[in-house]
C-alpha atoms as a PDB file:
ATOM      1  CA  MET A   1      -9.161 -47.521 -97.376  1.00  0.00           C
ATOM      2  CA  SER A   2      -5.387 -47.576 -96.922  1.00  0.00           C
ATOM      3  CA  ASP A   3      -3.560 -50.770 -96.038  1.00  0.00           C
ATOM      4  CA  PRO A   4      -3.264 -51.301 -92.274  1.00  0.00           C
ATOM      5  CA  VAL A   5       0.076 -50.539 -90.606  1.00  0.00           C
ATOM      6  CA  LEU A   6      -0.763 -53.331 -88.141  1.00  0.00           C
ATOM      7  CA  ASP A   7      -2.789 -56.338 -89.224  1.00  0.00           C
ATOM      8  CA  ILE A   8      -3.697 -58.958 -86.612  1.00  0.00           C
ATOM      9  CA  GLU A   9      -5.396 -62.109 -87.880  1.00  0.00           C
ATOM     10  CA  ASP A  10      -6.860 -64.866 -85.692  1.00  0.00           C
ATOM     11  CA  LEU A  11      -4.339 -64.237 -82.892  1.00  0.00           C
ATOM     12  CA  GLN A  12      -4.313 -66.972 -80.246  1.00  0.00           C
ATOM     13  CA  VAL A  13      -2.308 -66.959 -77.028  1.00  0.00           C
ATOM     14  CA  GLU A  14      -2.554 -69.526 -74.252  1.00  0.00           C
ATOM     15  CA  PHE A  15      -1.084 -69.840 -70.776  1.00  0.00           C
ATOM     16  CA  ARG A  16      -0.070 -73.372 -69.767  1.00  0.00           C
ATOM     17  CA  THR A  17      -0.438 -73.665 -66.008  1.00  0.00           C
ATOM     18  CA  GLU A  18      -0.364 -76.496 -63.485  1.00  0.00           C
ATOM     19  CA  ASP A  19      -4.160 -76.315 -63.351  1.00  0.00           C
ATOM     20  CA  GLY A  20      -4.660 -76.431 -67.106  1.00  0.00           C
ATOM     21  CA  VAL A  21      -4.566 -74.308 -70.256  1.00  0.00           C
ATOM     22  CA  VAL A  22      -5.993 -70.776 -70.315  1.00  0.00           C
ATOM     23  CA  LYS A  23      -6.862 -69.263 -73.707  1.00  0.00           C
ATOM     24  CA  ALA A  24      -5.968 -65.673 -72.884  1.00  0.00           C
ATOM     25  CA  VAL A  25      -6.453 -64.476 -76.479  1.00  0.00           C
ATOM     26  CA  ASP A  26      -8.784 -66.501 -78.663  1.00  0.00           C
ATOM     27  CA  GLY A  27      -9.021 -65.547 -82.334  1.00  0.00           C
ATOM     28  CA  VAL A  28      -8.585 -61.748 -82.271  1.00  0.00           C
ATOM     29  CA  THR A  29      -8.574 -60.052 -85.697  1.00  0.00           C
ATOM     30  CA  TYR A  30      -8.350 -56.361 -86.583  1.00  0.00           C
ATOM     31  CA  GLY A  31      -6.397 -53.850 -88.688  1.00  0.00           C
ATOM     32  CA  LEU A  32      -4.919 -50.538 -87.529  1.00  0.00           C
ATOM     33  CA  ARG A  33      -4.788 -47.731 -90.078  1.00  0.00           C
ATOM     34  CA  LYS A  34      -2.099 -45.096 -90.438  1.00  0.00           C
ATOM     35  CA  GLY A  35      -2.719 -42.146 -88.109  1.00  0.00           C
ATOM     36  CA  GLU A  36      -5.605 -43.936 -86.366  1.00  0.00           C
ATOM     37  CA  VAL A  37      -6.251 -44.326 -82.645  1.00  0.00           C
ATOM     38  CA  LEU A  38      -7.891 -47.662 -81.834  1.00  0.00           C
ATOM     39  CA  ALA A  39      -9.016 -48.130 -78.226  1.00  0.00           C
ATOM     40  CA  VAL A  40      -9.058 -51.742 -77.035  1.00  0.00           C
ATOM     41  CA  LEU A  41     -11.534 -51.893 -74.186  1.00  0.00           C
ATOM     42  CA  GLY A  42     -12.294 -54.567 -71.621  1.00  0.00           C
ATOM     43  CA  GLU A  43     -12.098 -55.510 -67.968  1.00  0.00           C
ATOM     44  CA  SER A  44      -9.076 -57.086 -66.279  1.00  0.00           C
ATOM     45  CA  GLY A  45      -8.311 -60.531 -67.705  1.00  0.00           C
ATOM     46  CA  SER A  46      -9.997 -59.890 -71.052  1.00  0.00           C
ATOM     47  CA  GLY A  47      -6.733 -60.290 -72.992  1.00  0.00           C
ATOM     48  CA  LYS A  48      -6.084 -56.616 -73.844  1.00  0.00           C
ATOM     49  CA  THR A  49      -2.499 -56.435 -72.617  1.00  0.00           C
ATOM     50  CA  VAL A  50      -1.624 -60.003 -73.606  1.00  0.00           C
ATOM     51  CA  HIS A  51      -2.552 -59.408 -77.245  1.00  0.00           C
ATOM     52  CA  ALA A  52      -0.377 -56.267 -77.401  1.00  0.00           C
ATOM     53  CA  ARG A  53       2.611 -57.967 -75.795  1.00  0.00           C
ATOM     54  CA  ALA A  54       2.198 -60.823 -78.257  1.00  0.00           C
ATOM     55  CA  VAL A  55       2.653 -58.401 -81.171  1.00  0.00           C
ATOM     56  CA  LEU A  56       6.067 -57.413 -79.769  1.00  0.00           C
ATOM     57  CA  ARG A  57       6.814 -60.987 -78.643  1.00  0.00           C
ATOM     58  CA  ILE A  58       7.548 -59.879 -75.083  1.00  0.00           C
ATOM     59  CA  LEU A  59       5.348 -62.407 -73.284  1.00  0.00           C
ATOM     60  CA  ASP A  60       6.976 -64.552 -70.588  1.00  0.00           C
ATOM     61  CA  SER A  61       7.302 -67.981 -72.196  1.00  0.00           C
ATOM     62  CA  PRO A  62       6.610 -70.237 -70.406  1.00  0.00           C
ATOM     63  CA  PRO A  63       3.828 -69.986 -69.354  1.00  0.00           C
ATOM     64  CA  ALA A  64       2.605 -67.914 -72.343  1.00  0.00           C
ATOM     65  CA  PHE A  65       2.670 -69.309 -75.882  1.00  0.00           C
ATOM     66  CA  ILE A  66       1.482 -67.820 -79.183  1.00  0.00           C
ATOM     67  CA  THR A  67      -0.349 -70.789 -80.665  1.00  0.00           C
ATOM     68  CA  GLY A  68      -1.903 -69.340 -83.803  1.00  0.00           C
ATOM     69  CA  GLY A  69      -2.552 -66.377 -86.041  1.00  0.00           C
ATOM     70  CA  ARG A  70      -0.470 -63.651 -87.619  1.00  0.00           C
ATOM     71  CA  ALA A  71       0.700 -60.155 -86.717  1.00  0.00           C
ATOM     72  CA  VAL A  72       1.860 -58.087 -89.690  1.00  0.00           C
ATOM     73  CA  VAL A  73       3.652 -54.768 -89.117  1.00  0.00           C
ATOM     74  CA  ASP A  74       4.194 -52.664 -92.255  1.00  0.00           C
ATOM     75  CA  GLY A  75       3.997 -55.825 -94.340  1.00  0.00           C
ATOM     76  CA  ILE A  76       6.371 -57.835 -92.099  1.00  0.00           C
ATOM     77  CA  GLU A  77       5.085 -60.973 -90.358  1.00  0.00           C
ATOM     78  CA  VAL A  78       6.628 -60.571 -86.910  1.00  0.00           C
ATOM     79  CA  PHE A  79       5.962 -64.105 -85.650  1.00  0.00           C
ATOM     80  CA  ASP A  80       8.227 -65.475 -88.410  1.00  0.00           C
ATOM     81  CA  LEU A  81      11.189 -63.218 -87.613  1.00  0.00           C
ATOM     82  CA  PRO A  82      14.306 -64.422 -85.794  1.00  0.00           C
ATOM     83  CA  GLU A  83      14.857 -62.668 -82.479  1.00  0.00           C
ATOM     84  CA  GLU A  84      17.676 -60.436 -83.749  1.00  0.00           C
ATOM     85  CA  GLU A  85      15.415 -59.046 -86.486  1.00  0.00           C
ATOM     86  CA  MET A  86      12.704 -58.274 -83.928  1.00  0.00           C
ATOM     87  CA  LEU A  87      15.002 -55.517 -82.633  1.00  0.00           C
ATOM     88  CA  ASP A  88      14.159 -53.516 -85.751  1.00  0.00           C
ATOM     89  CA  ILE A  89      10.461 -53.921 -84.941  1.00  0.00           C
ATOM     90  CA  ARG A  90      10.617 -53.087 -81.226  1.00  0.00           C
ATOM     91  CA  GLY A  91      10.971 -49.373 -80.644  1.00  0.00           C
ATOM     92  CA  ARG A  92      11.719 -48.461 -84.258  1.00  0.00           C
ATOM     93  CA  ARG A  93       8.455 -49.607 -85.847  1.00  0.00           C
ATOM     94  CA  VAL A  94       6.314 -50.462 -82.808  1.00  0.00           C
ATOM     95  CA  SER A  95       6.859 -48.972 -79.362  1.00  0.00           C
ATOM     96  CA  MET A  96       5.052 -49.765 -76.113  1.00  0.00           C
ATOM     97  CA  LEU A  97       4.073 -47.465 -73.274  1.00  0.00           C
ATOM     98  CA  PHE A  98       3.580 -49.407 -70.062  1.00  0.00           C
ATOM     99  CA  GLN A  99       1.067 -48.952 -67.284  1.00  0.00           C
ATOM    100  CA  ASP A 100       3.370 -48.054 -64.368  1.00  0.00           C
ATOM    101  CA  PRO A 101       6.318 -45.822 -65.326  1.00  0.00           C
ATOM    102  CA  HIS A 102       8.155 -46.339 -62.052  1.00  0.00           C
ATOM    103  CA  THR A 103       8.427 -50.079 -62.638  1.00  0.00           C
ATOM    104  CA  ALA A 104       9.287 -49.643 -66.331  1.00  0.00           C
ATOM    105  CA  LEU A 105      12.213 -47.278 -65.626  1.00  0.00           C
ATOM    106  CA  ASP A 106      15.478 -48.643 -64.185  1.00  0.00           C
ATOM    107  CA  PRO A 107      15.626 -47.381 -60.567  1.00  0.00           C
ATOM    108  CA  VAL A 108      19.449 -47.311 -60.305  1.00  0.00           C
ATOM    109  CA  TYR A 109      20.174 -44.888 -63.193  1.00  0.00           C
ATOM    110  CA  PRO A 110      19.169 -41.265 -63.780  1.00  0.00           C
ATOM    111  CA  VAL A 111      16.486 -40.981 -66.460  1.00  0.00           C
ATOM    112  CA  GLY A 112      18.839 -38.971 -68.662  1.00  0.00           C
ATOM    113  CA  LYS A 113      21.346 -41.819 -68.746  1.00  0.00           C
ATOM    114  CA  GLN A 114      18.578 -44.227 -69.752  1.00  0.00           C
ATOM    115  CA  ILE A 115      17.406 -42.034 -72.640  1.00  0.00           C
ATOM    116  CA  VAL A 116      20.978 -41.334 -73.814  1.00  0.00           C
ATOM    117  CA  GLU A 117      21.806 -45.048 -73.749  1.00  0.00           C
ATOM    118  CA  LEU A 118      18.738 -45.805 -75.871  1.00  0.00           C
ATOM    119  CA  LEU A 119      19.681 -43.170 -78.438  1.00  0.00           C
ATOM    120  CA  ARG A 120      23.303 -44.265 -78.641  1.00  0.00           C
ATOM    121  CA  LEU A 121      22.482 -47.953 -79.016  1.00  0.00           C
ATOM    122  CA  ARG A 122      19.549 -47.668 -81.392  1.00  0.00           C
ATOM    123  CA  ARG A 123      20.287 -44.481 -83.354  1.00  0.00           C
ATOM    124  CA  GLY A 124      24.091 -44.592 -83.265  1.00  0.00           C
ATOM    125  CA  MET A 125      24.438 -41.086 -81.816  1.00  0.00           C
ATOM    126  CA  SER A 126      27.478 -39.674 -80.086  1.00  0.00           C
ATOM    127  CA  LYS A 127      27.156 -39.020 -76.374  1.00  0.00           C
ATOM    128  CA  ARG A 128      26.871 -35.263 -76.944  1.00  0.00           C
ATOM    129  CA  ASP A 129      24.237 -35.567 -79.677  1.00  0.00           C
ATOM    130  CA  ALA A 130      22.286 -38.119 -77.651  1.00  0.00           C
ATOM    131  CA  ARG A 131      22.171 -35.787 -74.665  1.00  0.00           C
ATOM    132  CA  ALA A 132      20.954 -32.916 -76.835  1.00  0.00           C
ATOM    133  CA  GLU A 133      18.289 -35.169 -78.357  1.00  0.00           C
ATOM    134  CA  ALA A 134      17.243 -36.369 -74.876  1.00  0.00           C
ATOM    135  CA  LEU A 135      16.698 -32.737 -73.856  1.00  0.00           C
ATOM    136  CA  ARG A 136      14.662 -32.109 -77.013  1.00  0.00           C
ATOM    137  CA  LEU A 137      12.500 -35.165 -76.323  1.00  0.00           C
ATOM    138  CA  LEU A 138      11.814 -34.078 -72.731  1.00  0.00           C
ATOM    139  CA  GLU A 139      10.845 -30.608 -73.976  1.00  0.00           C
ATOM    140  CA  ARG A 140       8.607 -32.152 -76.650  1.00  0.00           C
ATOM    141  CA  VAL A 141       6.606 -34.102 -74.057  1.00  0.00           C
ATOM    142  CA  GLY A 142       6.173 -30.988 -71.903  1.00  0.00           C
ATOM    143  CA  ILE A 143       8.537 -31.723 -69.005  1.00  0.00           C
ATOM    144  CA  PRO A 144       9.534 -28.508 -67.194  1.00  0.00           C
ATOM    145  CA  SER A 145      13.221 -27.883 -66.392  1.00  0.00           C
ATOM    146  CA  PRO A 146      14.433 -30.743 -68.637  1.00  0.00           C
ATOM    147  CA  GLU A 147      18.094 -30.159 -67.704  1.00  0.00           C
ATOM    148  CA  GLN A 148      17.315 -30.963 -64.075  1.00  0.00           C
ATOM    149  CA  ARG A 149      15.083 -33.917 -64.959  1.00  0.00           C
ATOM    150  CA  LEU A 150      17.911 -35.576 -66.895  1.00  0.00           C
ATOM    151  CA  LYS A 151      19.832 -35.915 -63.634  1.00  0.00           C
ATOM    152  CA  ALA A 152      16.882 -37.199 -61.603  1.00  0.00           C
ATOM    153  CA  TYR A 153      16.347 -40.820 -60.602  1.00  0.00           C
ATOM    154  CA  PRO A 154      12.921 -42.367 -61.248  1.00  0.00           C
ATOM    155  CA  HIS A 155      11.917 -42.305 -57.566  1.00  0.00           C
ATOM    156  CA  GLN A 156      12.470 -38.530 -57.531  1.00  0.00           C
ATOM    157  CA  LEU A 157       9.800 -37.986 -60.202  1.00  0.00           C
ATOM    158  CA  SER A 158       6.054 -37.702 -59.764  1.00  0.00           C
ATOM    159  CA  GLY A 159       3.883 -40.243 -61.552  1.00  0.00           C
ATOM    160  CA  GLY A 160       2.934 -37.745 -64.253  1.00  0.00           C
ATOM    161  CA  ILE A 161       6.518 -36.663 -64.971  1.00  0.00           C
ATOM    162  CA  ALA A 162       7.725 -40.288 -64.949  1.00  0.00           C
ATOM    163  CA  GLN A 163       5.050 -41.218 -67.489  1.00  0.00           C
ATOM    164  CA  ARG A 164       6.079 -38.283 -69.677  1.00  0.00           C
ATOM    165  CA  VAL A 165       9.664 -39.622 -69.545  1.00  0.00           C
ATOM    166  CA  MET A 166       8.320 -42.985 -70.700  1.00  0.00           C
ATOM    167  CA  VAL A 167       6.451 -41.266 -73.548  1.00  0.00           C
ATOM    168  CA  ALA A 168       9.714 -39.540 -74.561  1.00  0.00           C
ATOM    169  CA  MET A 169      11.489 -42.913 -74.648  1.00  0.00           C
ATOM    170  CA  ALA A 170       8.605 -44.513 -76.540  1.00  0.00           C
ATOM    171  CA  ILE A 171       8.798 -41.946 -79.357  1.00  0.00           C
ATOM    172  CA  ALA A 172      12.621 -41.636 -79.352  1.00  0.00           C
ATOM    173  CA  LEU A 173      12.997 -43.916 -82.384  1.00  0.00           C
ATOM    174  CA  ASP A 174      10.070 -42.300 -84.247  1.00  0.00           C
ATOM    175  CA  PRO A 175       7.880 -45.448 -84.344  1.00  0.00           C
ATOM    176  CA  ASP A 176       4.965 -45.954 -86.700  1.00  0.00           C
ATOM    177  CA  ILE A 177       2.807 -47.534 -83.987  1.00  0.00           C
ATOM    178  CA  LEU A 178       2.469 -46.880 -80.255  1.00  0.00           C
ATOM    179  CA  LEU A 179       0.907 -49.541 -78.038  1.00  0.00           C
ATOM    180  CA  ALA A 180      -0.234 -47.653 -74.925  1.00  0.00           C
ATOM    181  CA  ASP A 181      -1.119 -50.102 -72.141  1.00  0.00           C
ATOM    182  CA  GLU A 182      -3.426 -48.265 -69.721  1.00  0.00           C
ATOM    183  CA  PRO A 183      -0.929 -45.373 -69.620  1.00  0.00           C
ATOM    184  CA  THR A 184      -2.910 -43.287 -67.129  1.00  0.00           C
ATOM    185  CA  SER A 185      -4.385 -45.865 -64.733  1.00  0.00           C
ATOM    186  CA  SER A 186      -1.744 -45.204 -62.048  1.00  0.00           C
ATOM    187  CA  LEU A 187      -2.175 -41.404 -62.214  1.00  0.00           C
ATOM    188  CA  ASP A 188      -4.620 -39.028 -60.558  1.00  0.00           C
ATOM    189  CA  VAL A 189      -7.456 -37.609 -62.641  1.00  0.00           C
ATOM    190  CA  THR A 190      -5.885 -34.225 -63.465  1.00  0.00           C
ATOM    191  CA  VAL A 191      -2.593 -35.784 -64.577  1.00  0.00           C
ATOM    192  CA  GLN A 192      -4.498 -38.443 -66.549  1.00  0.00           C
ATOM    193  CA  ALA A 193      -6.077 -35.719 -68.662  1.00  0.00           C
ATOM    194  CA  GLN A 194      -2.687 -34.084 -69.292  1.00  0.00           C
ATOM    195  CA  VAL A 195      -1.019 -37.338 -70.404  1.00  0.00           C
ATOM    196  CA  LEU A 196      -3.948 -38.252 -72.659  1.00  0.00           C
ATOM    197  CA  GLU A 197      -3.835 -34.817 -74.261  1.00  0.00           C
ATOM    198  CA  LEU A 198      -0.080 -35.263 -74.794  1.00  0.00           C
ATOM    199  CA  LEU A 199      -0.663 -38.605 -76.542  1.00  0.00           C
ATOM    200  CA  ARG A 200      -3.434 -37.101 -78.659  1.00  0.00           C
ATOM    201  CA  SER A 201      -1.168 -34.251 -79.803  1.00  0.00           C
ATOM    202  CA  LEU A 202       1.757 -36.591 -80.584  1.00  0.00           C
ATOM    203  CA  VAL A 203      -0.458 -38.763 -82.795  1.00  0.00           C
ATOM    204  CA  ALA A 204      -1.763 -35.679 -84.612  1.00  0.00           C
ATOM    205  CA  GLU A 205       1.712 -34.174 -85.112  1.00  0.00           C
ATOM    206  CA  SER A 206       3.494 -37.298 -86.329  1.00  0.00           C
ATOM    207  CA  ASP A 207       0.711 -39.258 -88.066  1.00  0.00           C
ATOM    208  CA  MET A 208       1.611 -42.134 -85.745  1.00  0.00           C
ATOM    209  CA  SER A 209      -0.967 -44.864 -85.134  1.00  0.00           C
ATOM    210  CA  MET A 210      -1.895 -45.849 -81.593  1.00  0.00           C
ATOM    211  CA  VAL A 211      -3.554 -48.794 -79.880  1.00  0.00           C
ATOM    212  CA  LEU A 212      -4.865 -47.440 -76.582  1.00  0.00           C
ATOM    213  CA  ILE A 213      -5.523 -50.249 -74.121  1.00  0.00           C
ATOM    214  CA  THR A 214      -7.970 -49.194 -71.429  1.00  0.00           C
ATOM    215  CA  HIS A 215     -10.803 -50.330 -69.186  1.00  0.00           C
ATOM    216  CA  ASN A 216     -12.276 -46.809 -69.184  1.00  0.00           C
ATOM    217  CA  LEU A 217     -14.999 -46.389 -71.791  1.00  0.00           C
ATOM    218  CA  ALA A 218     -15.148 -42.612 -71.332  1.00  0.00           C
ATOM    219  CA  VAL A 219     -11.428 -42.359 -72.152  1.00  0.00           C
ATOM    220  CA  ALA A 220     -11.886 -44.653 -75.147  1.00  0.00           C
ATOM    221  CA  VAL A 221     -14.724 -42.556 -76.585  1.00  0.00           C
ATOM    222  CA  SER A 222     -12.878 -39.260 -76.076  1.00  0.00           C
ATOM    223  CA  MET A 223      -9.552 -40.449 -77.523  1.00  0.00           C
ATOM    224  CA  ALA A 224     -10.238 -43.030 -80.205  1.00  0.00           C
ATOM    225  CA  ASP A 225     -11.361 -43.111 -83.821  1.00  0.00           C
ATOM    226  CA  ARG A 226     -12.527 -46.707 -83.336  1.00  0.00           C
ATOM    227  CA  ILE A 227     -13.221 -48.943 -80.349  1.00  0.00           C
ATOM    228  CA  ALA A 228     -12.588 -52.688 -80.095  1.00  0.00           C
ATOM    229  CA  VAL A 229     -14.216 -54.448 -77.137  1.00  0.00           C
ATOM    230  CA  MET A 230     -12.699 -57.643 -75.720  1.00  0.00           C
ATOM    231  CA  TYR A 231     -14.334 -60.151 -73.402  1.00  0.00           C
ATOM    232  CA  ALA A 232     -12.846 -63.450 -72.182  1.00  0.00           C
ATOM    233  CA  GLY A 233     -10.019 -63.247 -74.717  1.00  0.00           C
ATOM    234  CA  GLN A 234     -12.301 -62.625 -77.699  1.00  0.00           C
ATOM    235  CA  LEU A 235     -13.141 -59.569 -79.765  1.00  0.00           C
ATOM    236  CA  VAL A 236     -16.887 -59.081 -79.299  1.00  0.00           C
ATOM    237  CA  GLU A 237     -17.423 -55.679 -80.933  1.00  0.00           C
ATOM    238  CA  ILE A 238     -15.482 -53.231 -83.096  1.00  0.00           C
ATOM    239  CA  GLY A 239     -16.564 -50.036 -84.796  1.00  0.00           C
ATOM    240  CA  PRO A 240     -16.331 -46.240 -84.964  1.00  0.00           C
ATOM    241  CA  ALA A 241     -16.090 -44.760 -81.463  1.00  0.00           C
ATOM    242  CA  LYS A 242     -19.168 -42.564 -81.851  1.00  0.00           C
ATOM    243  CA  GLY A 243     -21.157 -45.421 -83.374  1.00  0.00           C
ATOM    244  CA  VAL A 244     -20.271 -47.880 -80.611  1.00  0.00           C
ATOM    245  CA  TYR A 245     -21.130 -45.249 -77.991  1.00  0.00           C
ATOM    246  CA  ALA A 246     -24.443 -44.242 -79.584  1.00  0.00           C
ATOM    247  CA  LYS A 247     -25.626 -47.686 -80.639  1.00  0.00           C
ATOM    248  CA  PRO A 248     -23.722 -50.607 -79.071  1.00  0.00           C
ATOM    249  CA  GLY A 249     -24.173 -53.931 -80.822  1.00  0.00           C
ATOM    250  CA  HIS A 250     -23.163 -56.222 -77.961  1.00  0.00           C
ATOM    251  CA  PRO A 251     -24.817 -56.527 -74.518  1.00  0.00           C
ATOM    252  CA  TYR A 252     -21.426 -56.364 -72.779  1.00  0.00           C
ATOM    253  CA  THR A 253     -20.679 -53.000 -74.402  1.00  0.00           C
ATOM    254  CA  ALA A 254     -24.179 -51.801 -73.531  1.00  0.00           C
ATOM    255  CA  GLY A 255     -23.604 -52.816 -69.913  1.00  0.00           C
ATOM    256  CA  LEU A 256     -20.337 -50.883 -69.809  1.00  0.00           C
ATOM    257  CA  LEU A 257     -22.087 -47.809 -71.179  1.00  0.00           C
ATOM    258  CA  ARG A 258     -24.804 -47.993 -68.544  1.00  0.00           C
ATOM    259  CA  SER A 259     -22.177 -48.042 -65.809  1.00  0.00           C
ATOM    260  CA  ILE A 260     -20.703 -44.635 -66.775  1.00  0.00           C
ATOM    261  CA  PRO A 261     -21.747 -42.044 -64.154  1.00  0.00           C
ATOM    262  CA  ASP A 262     -23.933 -39.193 -65.408  1.00  0.00           C
ATOM    263  CA  ILE A 263     -23.521 -35.944 -63.455  1.00  0.00           C
ATOM    264  CA  ASN A 264     -27.041 -34.914 -64.523  1.00  0.00           C
ATOM    265  CA  VAL A 265     -28.659 -38.009 -63.025  1.00  0.00           C
ATOM    266  CA  ARG A 266     -28.725 -38.737 -59.309  1.00  0.00           C
ATOM    267  CA  GLU A 267     -28.571 -42.468 -58.644  1.00  0.00           C
ATOM    268  CA  GLU A 268     -28.043 -44.358 -55.414  1.00  0.00           C
ATOM    269  CA  ARG A 269     -26.095 -47.047 -57.259  1.00  0.00           C
ATOM    270  CA  LEU A 270     -24.768 -47.338 -60.777  1.00  0.00           C
ATOM    271  CA  PRO A 271     -26.236 -50.151 -62.893  1.00  0.00           C
ATOM    272  CA  ALA A 272     -23.889 -53.133 -62.885  1.00  0.00           C
ATOM    273  CA  ILE A 273     -23.426 -56.116 -65.182  1.00  0.00           C
ATOM    274  CA  LYS A 274     -24.664 -59.085 -63.205  1.00  0.00           C
ATOM    275  CA  GLY A 275     -22.418 -62.036 -62.430  1.00  0.00           C
ATOM    276  CA  THR A 276     -18.640 -62.291 -62.765  1.00  0.00           C
ATOM    277  CA  PRO A 277     -16.194 -62.830 -65.638  1.00  0.00           C
ATOM    278  CA  PRO A 278     -15.814 -66.497 -66.626  1.00  0.00           C
ATOM    279  CA  ASN A 279     -13.058 -68.773 -65.359  1.00  0.00           C
ATOM    280  CA  LEU A 280     -10.988 -69.272 -68.520  1.00  0.00           C
ATOM    281  CA  LEU A 281      -9.712 -72.605 -67.233  1.00  0.00           C
ATOM    282  CA  HIS A 282     -13.300 -73.792 -67.637  1.00  0.00           C
ATOM    283  CA  PRO A 283     -14.979 -71.348 -70.027  1.00  0.00           C
ATOM    284  CA  PRO A 284     -18.707 -71.552 -70.688  1.00  0.00           C
ATOM    285  CA  SER A 285     -19.992 -73.142 -73.878  1.00  0.00           C
ATOM    286  CA  GLY A 286     -21.112 -71.000 -76.773  1.00  0.00           C
ATOM    287  CA  CYS A 287     -20.900 -67.256 -76.226  1.00  0.00           C
ATOM    288  CA  PRO A 288     -18.688 -66.590 -73.173  1.00  0.00           C
ATOM    289  CA  PHE A 289     -20.981 -63.748 -72.083  1.00  0.00           C
ATOM    290  CA  HIS A 290     -24.196 -65.793 -72.050  1.00  0.00           C
ATOM    291  CA  PRO A 291     -24.222 -66.508 -68.252  1.00  0.00           C
ATOM    292  CA  ARG A 292     -24.392 -62.741 -67.633  1.00  0.00           C
ATOM    293  CA  CYS A 293     -26.480 -61.723 -70.651  1.00  0.00           C
ATOM    294  CA  PRO A 294     -30.132 -60.588 -70.391  1.00  0.00           C
ATOM    295  CA  TYR A 295     -30.719 -61.578 -74.041  1.00  0.00           C
ATOM    296  CA  ALA A 296     -29.294 -65.122 -73.854  1.00  0.00           C
ATOM    297  CA  THR A 297     -31.222 -67.942 -75.538  1.00  0.00           C
ATOM    298  CA  ASP A 298     -30.436 -71.570 -76.356  1.00  0.00           C
ATOM    299  CA  ILE A 299     -28.317 -70.688 -79.385  1.00  0.00           C
ATOM    300  CA  CYS A 300     -26.103 -68.472 -77.199  1.00  0.00           C
ATOM    301  CA  ILE A 301     -25.417 -71.431 -74.905  1.00  0.00           C
ATOM    302  CA  GLU A 302     -24.690 -73.773 -77.798  1.00  0.00           C
ATOM    303  CA  GLN A 303     -22.766 -71.708 -80.377  1.00  0.00           C
ATOM    304  CA  MET A 304     -20.221 -68.892 -80.381  1.00  0.00           C
ATOM    305  CA  PRO A 305     -21.608 -66.094 -82.589  1.00  0.00           C
ATOM    306  CA  PRO A 306     -19.389 -64.832 -85.436  1.00  0.00           C
ATOM    307  CA  LEU A 307     -18.225 -61.216 -85.605  1.00  0.00           C
ATOM    308  CA  GLU A 308     -20.618 -59.804 -88.220  1.00  0.00           C
ATOM    309  CA  PRO A 309     -21.528 -56.299 -89.470  1.00  0.00           C
ATOM    310  CA  VAL A 310     -24.377 -54.456 -87.750  1.00  0.00           C
ATOM    311  CA  GLU A 311     -23.610 -51.090 -89.393  1.00  0.00           C
ATOM    312  CA  PRO A 312     -21.005 -49.928 -91.943  1.00  0.00           C
ATOM    313  CA  GLU A 313     -17.545 -50.624 -90.377  1.00  0.00           C
ATOM    314  CA  HIS A 314     -19.283 -51.717 -87.152  1.00  0.00           C
ATOM    315  CA  ALA A 315     -19.362 -55.425 -86.229  1.00  0.00           C
ATOM    316  CA  SER A 316     -20.619 -57.395 -83.235  1.00  0.00           C
ATOM    317  CA  ALA A 317     -20.335 -61.019 -82.098  1.00  0.00           C
ATOM    318  CA  CYS A 318     -23.858 -61.444 -80.767  1.00  0.00           C
ATOM    319  CA  TRP A 319     -26.813 -63.517 -81.926  1.00  0.00           C
ATOM    320  CA  HIS A 320     -29.145 -60.756 -80.699  1.00  0.00           C
ATOM    321  CA  ALA A 321     -27.279 -57.629 -81.857  1.00  0.00           C
ATOM    322  CA  ASP A 322     -30.430 -56.143 -83.376  1.00  0.00           C
ATOM    323  CA  GLU A 323     -32.215 -56.356 -79.999  1.00  0.00           C
ATOM    324  CA  VAL A 324     -29.264 -54.740 -78.206  1.00  0.00           C
ATOM    325  CA  GLU A 325     -29.230 -51.861 -80.686  1.00  0.00           C
ATOM    326  CA  ARG A 326     -32.957 -51.207 -80.164  1.00  0.00           C
END
């Protein structure tokens, strides 16, 4: 197995609030391989976005603080770098695609000016060459009439076109890794499929690696080589996408799978995971999922289970993983 292009070890991030400390990311560890798509799955508040922003050190601090762990990009420990050296990491080695393109783009400048400015500052291009490259990038991401789009302001673009502009900016510096933070959640279903297909083709063409952050298990299974499942700031399952889908090793993952609609089955209501996510100001003892888990026993209440193999390259943090698989 090749060395990971991104190696996260025991990452810990906390938010210090007036009400107390929230462990938003609590001991996350995984490696991302070259050319791989890893989907990080979980509900809102599970720590998906926070862990990705921590890698780029773009968390608002305060209240967020990276309190432990390592993030290694192409052999470089990013948490040890001075801020000026992080500029070589952001965009050039690791780029991020945000959830809402209209809030990520500057509303007072045409999108062409924003792309040209990026290329001139980061790639040292002349104004003419930067404009030509901006046109090429817009064509590459499938934007029709790119000449006209260069002159458009963000509010004049549809959600799908605006997200394609953001994809063009994200790949402008030819990064090794793309962190895509729920890139289609603000788009309608048809446009979602188009943007996901664009991302899939870009990864295949460039051998870029991608962390796809999503709460949609169907998207994760269709897009990813592997799936990592987060719950209450912790990594509770990781493995090959088809293996996790066919034989989940954690009851939370199994619950998510049961909640996917099946067009061949008529149901009055979809099965739901009982209860609510824990309050991370006062997390439960032991396994954070135990108050909602149908398999919970005394050991689940008392001790946090380690992330251990259940199949080759497939690991789960559950004391009863064998029962879940059956």
